[in-house]
Amino acid sequence: MARLVIVHHSPTDTVRALTGAVVAGAHDDAIEGVEVVVRPALEASAADVLAADGVLLGTTANFGYMSGALKHFFDTIFLEAGGALVEDGSAASTGGGRIPFGLWVHGRYDTTGAVRSVLSIVGALPWTRAADVLEVLGEVGDEERAAAYELGGTLAALLSA
């Protein structure tokens, strides 16, 4: 059975609404053969990632960057999960990999820096983006929840094939 791990930092009701919709989409009744594992970013481990066939990441946009919790997740799993570094210690581009991933980001005013920061780290992991990044500003309504549901369903469906 394929495994999708969802790693998120959801500190507010607004972000929890997106996370809930992503998780619900990954559990859609039409998708079979996928185990969905949900981990808060501060509890997720390299073992979770190494056992996964796909990864979904969720974060808030904080001061132009991803949440500290998601950054901590990357700091603790990066090398063990196959992250590549160059001689000066910065992330090296792997050019993609075998593990599909998706990302959702919520911000009050802007998500640009948070998306960029996540994608720069993920670019040095053996992962490949399997869906457009879901960027949500402000309140979460039906349209945003539907997009989050679709993101979760898309990643799970890719693994069920």
C-alpha atoms as a PDB file:
ATOM      1  CA  MET A   1       0.000   0.000   0.000  1.00  0.00           C
ATOM      2  CA  ALA A   2       1.288   3.457  -0.893  1.00  0.00           C
ATOM      3  CA  ARG A   3       1.832   5.958   1.915  1.00  0.00           C
ATOM      4  CA  LEU A   4       1.182   9.701   1.789  1.00  0.00           C
ATOM      5  CA  VAL A   5       2.588  11.705   4.680  1.00  0.00           C
ATOM      6  CA  ILE A   6       1.058  15.103   5.395  1.00  0.00           C
ATOM      7  CA  VAL A   7       3.392  17.365   7.389  1.00  0.00           C
ATOM      8  CA  HIS A   8       1.850  20.631   8.530  1.00  0.00           C
ATOM      9  CA  HIS A   9       2.005  23.553  10.903  1.00  0.00           C
ATOM     10  CA  SER A  10      -1.574  24.616  11.602  1.00  0.00           C
ATOM     11  CA  PRO A  11      -1.593  27.023  14.550  1.00  0.00           C
ATOM     12  CA  THR A  12      -4.863  28.842  13.765  1.00  0.00           C
ATOM     13  CA  ASP A  13      -8.440  27.902  12.939  1.00  0.00           C
ATOM     14  CA  THR A  14      -7.931  29.321   9.459  1.00  0.00           C
ATOM     15  CA  VAL A  15      -4.955  27.106   8.693  1.00  0.00           C
ATOM     16  CA  ARG A  16      -6.580  24.123  10.421  1.00  0.00           C
ATOM     17  CA  ALA A  17      -9.502  24.519   7.984  1.00  0.00           C
ATOM     18  CA  LEU A  18      -7.094  24.150   5.056  1.00  0.00           C
ATOM     19  CA  THR A  19      -5.327  21.226   6.690  1.00  0.00           C
ATOM     20  CA  GLY A  20      -8.638  19.488   7.354  1.00  0.00           C
ATOM     21  CA  ALA A  21      -9.671  19.918   3.736  1.00  0.00           C
ATOM     22  CA  VAL A  22      -6.316  18.569   2.471  1.00  0.00           C
ATOM     23  CA  VAL A  23      -6.621  15.531   4.742  1.00  0.00           C
ATOM     24  CA  ALA A  24     -10.243  14.960   3.701  1.00  0.00           C
ATOM     25  CA  GLY A  25      -9.245  15.117   0.036  1.00  0.00           C
ATOM     26  CA  ALA A  26      -6.493  12.571   0.606  1.00  0.00           C
ATOM     27  CA  HIS A  27      -9.119  10.293   2.182  1.00  0.00           C
ATOM     28  CA  ASP A  28     -11.623  10.711  -0.675  1.00  0.00           C
ATOM     29  CA  ASP A  29     -13.715   7.538  -1.063  1.00  0.00           C
ATOM     30  CA  ALA A  30     -12.752   7.208  -4.733  1.00  0.00           C
ATOM     31  CA  ILE A  31      -9.075   6.782  -3.812  1.00  0.00           C
ATOM     32  CA  GLU A  32      -7.974   3.308  -2.812  1.00  0.00           C
ATOM     33  CA  GLY A  33      -4.697   1.782  -1.741  1.00  0.00           C
ATOM     34  CA  VAL A  34      -3.210   4.826  -0.006  1.00  0.00           C
ATOM     35  CA  GLU A  35      -2.431   5.090   3.687  1.00  0.00           C
ATOM     36  CA  VAL A  36      -2.558   8.711   4.821  1.00  0.00           C
ATOM     37  CA  VAL A  37      -0.314   9.664   7.740  1.00  0.00           C
ATOM     38  CA  VAL A  38      -0.793  13.134   9.249  1.00  0.00           C
ATOM     39  CA  ARG A  39       1.996  14.657  11.332  1.00  0.00           C
ATOM     40  CA  PRO A  40       2.376  18.089  12.895  1.00  0.00           C
ATOM     41  CA  ALA A  41       5.699  19.504  11.668  1.00  0.00           C
ATOM     42  CA  LEU A  42       7.257  19.407  15.131  1.00  0.00           C
ATOM     43  CA  GLU A  43       6.462  15.681  15.436  1.00  0.00           C
ATOM     44  CA  ALA A  44       7.328  14.491  11.917  1.00  0.00           C
ATOM     45  CA  SER A  45      10.552  12.563  11.475  1.00  0.00           C
ATOM     46  CA  ALA A  46      12.908  11.361   8.790  1.00  0.00           C
ATOM     47  CA  ALA A  47      11.417   7.898   9.305  1.00  0.00           C
ATOM     48  CA  ASP A  48       8.014   9.295   8.279  1.00  0.00           C
ATOM     49  CA  VAL A  49       9.526  10.727   5.101  1.00  0.00           C
ATOM     50  CA  LEU A  50      11.606   7.650   4.282  1.00  0.00           C
ATOM     51  CA  ALA A  51       8.515   5.443   4.595  1.00  0.00           C
ATOM     52  CA  ALA A  52       6.452   7.751   2.358  1.00  0.00           C
ATOM     53  CA  ASP A  53       5.697   7.465  -1.329  1.00  0.00           C
ATOM     54  CA  GLY A  54       4.468  11.076  -1.407  1.00  0.00           C
ATOM     55  CA  VAL A  55       4.602  14.163   0.812  1.00  0.00           C
ATOM     56  CA  LEU A  56       2.193  17.044   1.361  1.00  0.00           C
ATOM     57  CA  LEU A  57       3.469  20.096   3.223  1.00  0.00           C
ATOM     58  CA  GLY A  58       1.444  22.860   4.854  1.00  0.00           C
ATOM     59  CA  THR A  59       2.674  26.035   6.491  1.00  0.00           C
ATOM     60  CA  THR A  60       1.842  29.543   7.458  1.00  0.00           C
ATOM     61  CA  ALA A  61       3.697  32.465   5.912  1.00  0.00           C
ATOM     62  CA  ASN A  62       5.530  34.216   8.743  1.00  0.00           C
ATOM     63  CA  PHE A  63       7.505  37.392   8.105  1.00  0.00           C
ATOM     64  CA  GLY A  64       8.183  36.334   4.529  1.00  0.00           C
ATOM     65  CA  TYR A  65       9.248  32.790   5.418  1.00  0.00           C
ATOM     66  CA  MET A  66       7.792  29.373   6.189  1.00  0.00           C
ATOM     67  CA  SER A  67       6.795  28.650   9.778  1.00  0.00           C
ATOM     68  CA  GLY A  68       9.547  27.888  12.253  1.00  0.00           C
ATOM     69  CA  ALA A  69       7.935  24.493  12.823  1.00  0.00           C
ATOM     70  CA  LEU A  70       8.229  23.480   9.161  1.00  0.00           C
ATOM     71  CA  LYS A  71      11.798  24.829   9.032  1.00  0.00           C
ATOM     72  CA  HIS A  72      12.596  22.680  12.084  1.00  0.00           C
ATOM     73  CA  PHE A  73      11.140  19.673  10.263  1.00  0.00           C
ATOM     74  CA  PHE A  74      13.438  20.301   7.292  1.00  0.00           C
ATOM     75  CA  ASP A  75      16.439  20.873   9.567  1.00  0.00           C
ATOM     76  CA  THR A  76      15.909  17.530  11.292  1.00  0.00           C
ATOM     77  CA  ILE A  77      15.163  15.352   8.236  1.00  0.00           C
ATOM     78  CA  PHE A  78      17.153  16.973   5.433  1.00  0.00           C
ATOM     79  CA  LEU A  79      20.315  14.867   5.222  1.00  0.00           C
ATOM     80  CA  GLU A  80      18.716  11.596   6.312  1.00  0.00           C
ATOM     81  CA  ALA A  81      15.957  12.074   3.714  1.00  0.00           C
ATOM     82  CA  GLY A  82      18.496  12.462   0.910  1.00  0.00           C
ATOM     83  CA  GLY A  83      19.045  16.217   0.888  1.00  0.00           C
ATOM     84  CA  ALA A  84      22.022  17.411  -1.126  1.00  0.00           C
ATOM     85  CA  LEU A  85      24.483  20.120  -0.107  1.00  0.00           C
ATOM     86  CA  VAL A  86      27.275  21.870  -1.988  1.00  0.00           C
ATOM     87  CA  GLU A  87      30.754  22.511  -0.539  1.00  0.00           C
ATOM     88  CA  ASP A  88      29.759  25.775   1.166  1.00  0.00           C
ATOM     89  CA  GLY A  89      26.912  23.997   2.986  1.00  0.00           C
ATOM     90  CA  SER A  90      24.059  25.475   0.972  1.00  0.00           C
ATOM     91  CA  ALA A  91      21.332  23.369  -0.610  1.00  0.00           C
ATOM     92  CA  ALA A  92      22.205  21.806  -3.943  1.00  0.00           C
ATOM     93  CA  SER A  93      19.601  21.362  -6.645  1.00  0.00           C
ATOM     94  CA  THR A  94      18.837  17.717  -7.275  1.00  0.00           C
ATOM     95  CA  GLY A  95      16.853  18.412 -10.426  1.00  0.00           C
ATOM     96  CA  GLY A  96      13.873  16.534  -9.041  1.00  0.00           C
ATOM     97  CA  GLY A  97      13.366  13.031  -7.795  1.00  0.00           C
ATOM     98  CA  ARG A  98      11.009  10.149  -7.404  1.00  0.00           C
ATOM     99  CA  ILE A  99       8.840  11.313  -4.491  1.00  0.00           C
ATOM    100  CA  PRO A 100       5.913  13.548  -5.479  1.00  0.00           C
ATOM    101  CA  PHE A 101       5.123  16.423  -3.165  1.00  0.00           C
ATOM    102  CA  GLY A 102       2.562  19.172  -2.812  1.00  0.00           C
ATOM    103  CA  LEU A 103       2.476  22.376  -0.779  1.00  0.00           C
ATOM    104  CA  TRP A 104      -0.120  24.708   0.687  1.00  0.00           C
ATOM    105  CA  VAL A 105       0.702  28.043   2.303  1.00  0.00           C
ATOM    106  CA  HIS A 106      -1.554  30.451   4.168  1.00  0.00           C
ATOM    107  CA  GLY A 107      -0.707  34.081   4.778  1.00  0.00           C
ATOM    108  CA  ARG A 108      -2.532  37.188   5.840  1.00  0.00           C
ATOM    109  CA  TYR A 109      -0.931  39.472   3.258  1.00  0.00           C
ATOM    110  CA  ASP A 110       1.701  37.579   1.264  1.00  0.00           C
ATOM    111  CA  THR A 111       2.964  34.035   0.718  1.00  0.00           C
ATOM    112  CA  THR A 112       5.784  34.674  -1.768  1.00  0.00           C
ATOM    113  CA  GLY A 113       8.731  34.327   0.609  1.00  0.00           C
ATOM    114  CA  ALA A 114       7.283  31.291   2.365  1.00  0.00           C
ATOM    115  CA  VAL A 115       6.712  29.475  -0.937  1.00  0.00           C
ATOM    116  CA  ARG A 116      10.180  30.385  -2.169  1.00  0.00           C
ATOM    117  CA  SER A 117      11.823  29.183   1.053  1.00  0.00           C
ATOM    118  CA  VAL A 118      10.059  25.817   1.000  1.00  0.00           C
ATOM    119  CA  LEU A 119      10.720  25.239  -2.694  1.00  0.00           C
ATOM    120  CA  SER A 120      14.417  26.073  -2.313  1.00  0.00           C
ATOM    121  CA  ILE A 121      14.832  23.408   0.372  1.00  0.00           C
ATOM    122  CA  VAL A 122      12.646  20.859  -1.389  1.00  0.00           C
ATOM    123  CA  GLY A 123      14.683  21.417  -4.548  1.00  0.00           C
ATOM    124  CA  ALA A 124      17.618  19.821  -2.753  1.00  0.00           C
ATOM    125  CA  LEU A 125      15.605  16.726  -1.783  1.00  0.00           C
ATOM    126  CA  PRO A 126      14.808  13.786  -4.075  1.00  0.00           C
ATOM    127  CA  TRP A 127      11.244  15.052  -4.504  1.00  0.00           C
ATOM    128  CA  THR A 128       9.337  16.397  -7.476  1.00  0.00           C
ATOM    129  CA  ARG A 129       6.437  18.843  -7.407  1.00  0.00           C
ATOM    130  CA  ALA A 130       3.293  16.992  -8.404  1.00  0.00           C
ATOM    131  CA  ALA A 131       0.749  19.820  -8.121  1.00  0.00           C
ATOM    132  CA  ASP A 132       0.613  23.591  -8.219  1.00  0.00           C
ATOM    133  CA  VAL A 133       1.323  25.282  -4.899  1.00  0.00           C
ATOM    134  CA  LEU A 134      -1.884  26.318  -3.150  1.00  0.00           C
ATOM    135  CA  GLU A 135      -1.411  29.868  -1.856  1.00  0.00           C
ATOM    136  CA  VAL A 136      -4.223  31.263   0.266  1.00  0.00           C
ATOM    137  CA  LEU A 137      -4.427  34.822   1.564  1.00  0.00           C
ATOM    138  CA  GLY A 138      -6.769  35.947   4.320  1.00  0.00           C
ATOM    139  CA  GLU A 139      -9.934  34.131   5.239  1.00  0.00           C
ATOM    140  CA  VAL A 140     -10.614  30.573   4.133  1.00  0.00           C
ATOM    141  CA  GLY A 141     -13.925  30.101   2.367  1.00  0.00           C
ATOM    142  CA  ASP A 142     -15.561  27.375   0.329  1.00  0.00           C
ATOM    143  CA  GLU A 143     -13.369  28.013  -2.716  1.00  0.00           C
ATOM    144  CA  GLU A 144     -10.148  27.708  -0.708  1.00  0.00           C
ATOM    145  CA  ARG A 145     -11.372  24.584   1.094  1.00  0.00           C
ATOM    146  CA  ALA A 146     -12.293  23.036  -2.260  1.00  0.00           C
ATOM    147  CA  ALA A 147      -8.823  23.796  -3.640  1.00  0.00           C
ATOM    148  CA  ALA A 148      -7.221  22.247  -0.533  1.00  0.00           C
ATOM    149  CA  TYR A 149      -9.439  19.171  -0.870  1.00  0.00           C
ATOM    150  CA  GLU A 150      -8.371  18.875  -4.493  1.00  0.00           C
ATOM    151  CA  LEU A 151      -4.691  19.147  -3.537  1.00  0.00           C
ATOM    152  CA  GLY A 152      -5.004  16.326  -1.001  1.00  0.00           C
ATOM    153  CA  GLY A 153      -6.975  14.212  -3.459  1.00  0.00           C
ATOM    154  CA  THR A 154      -4.524  14.847  -6.278  1.00  0.00           C
ATOM    155  CA  LEU A 155      -1.497  13.664  -4.321  1.00  0.00           C
ATOM    156  CA  ALA A 156      -3.309  10.612  -2.962  1.00  0.00           C
ATOM    157  CA  ALA A 157      -4.672   9.718  -6.412  1.00  0.00           C
ATOM    158  CA  LEU A 158      -1.170   9.910  -7.916  1.00  0.00           C
ATOM    159  CA  LEU A 159      -0.050   7.321  -5.404  1.00  0.00           C
ATOM    160  CA  SER A 160      -3.021   5.020  -5.935  1.00  0.00           C
ATOM    161  CA  ALA A 161      -2.311   4.586  -9.650  1.00  0.00           C
END
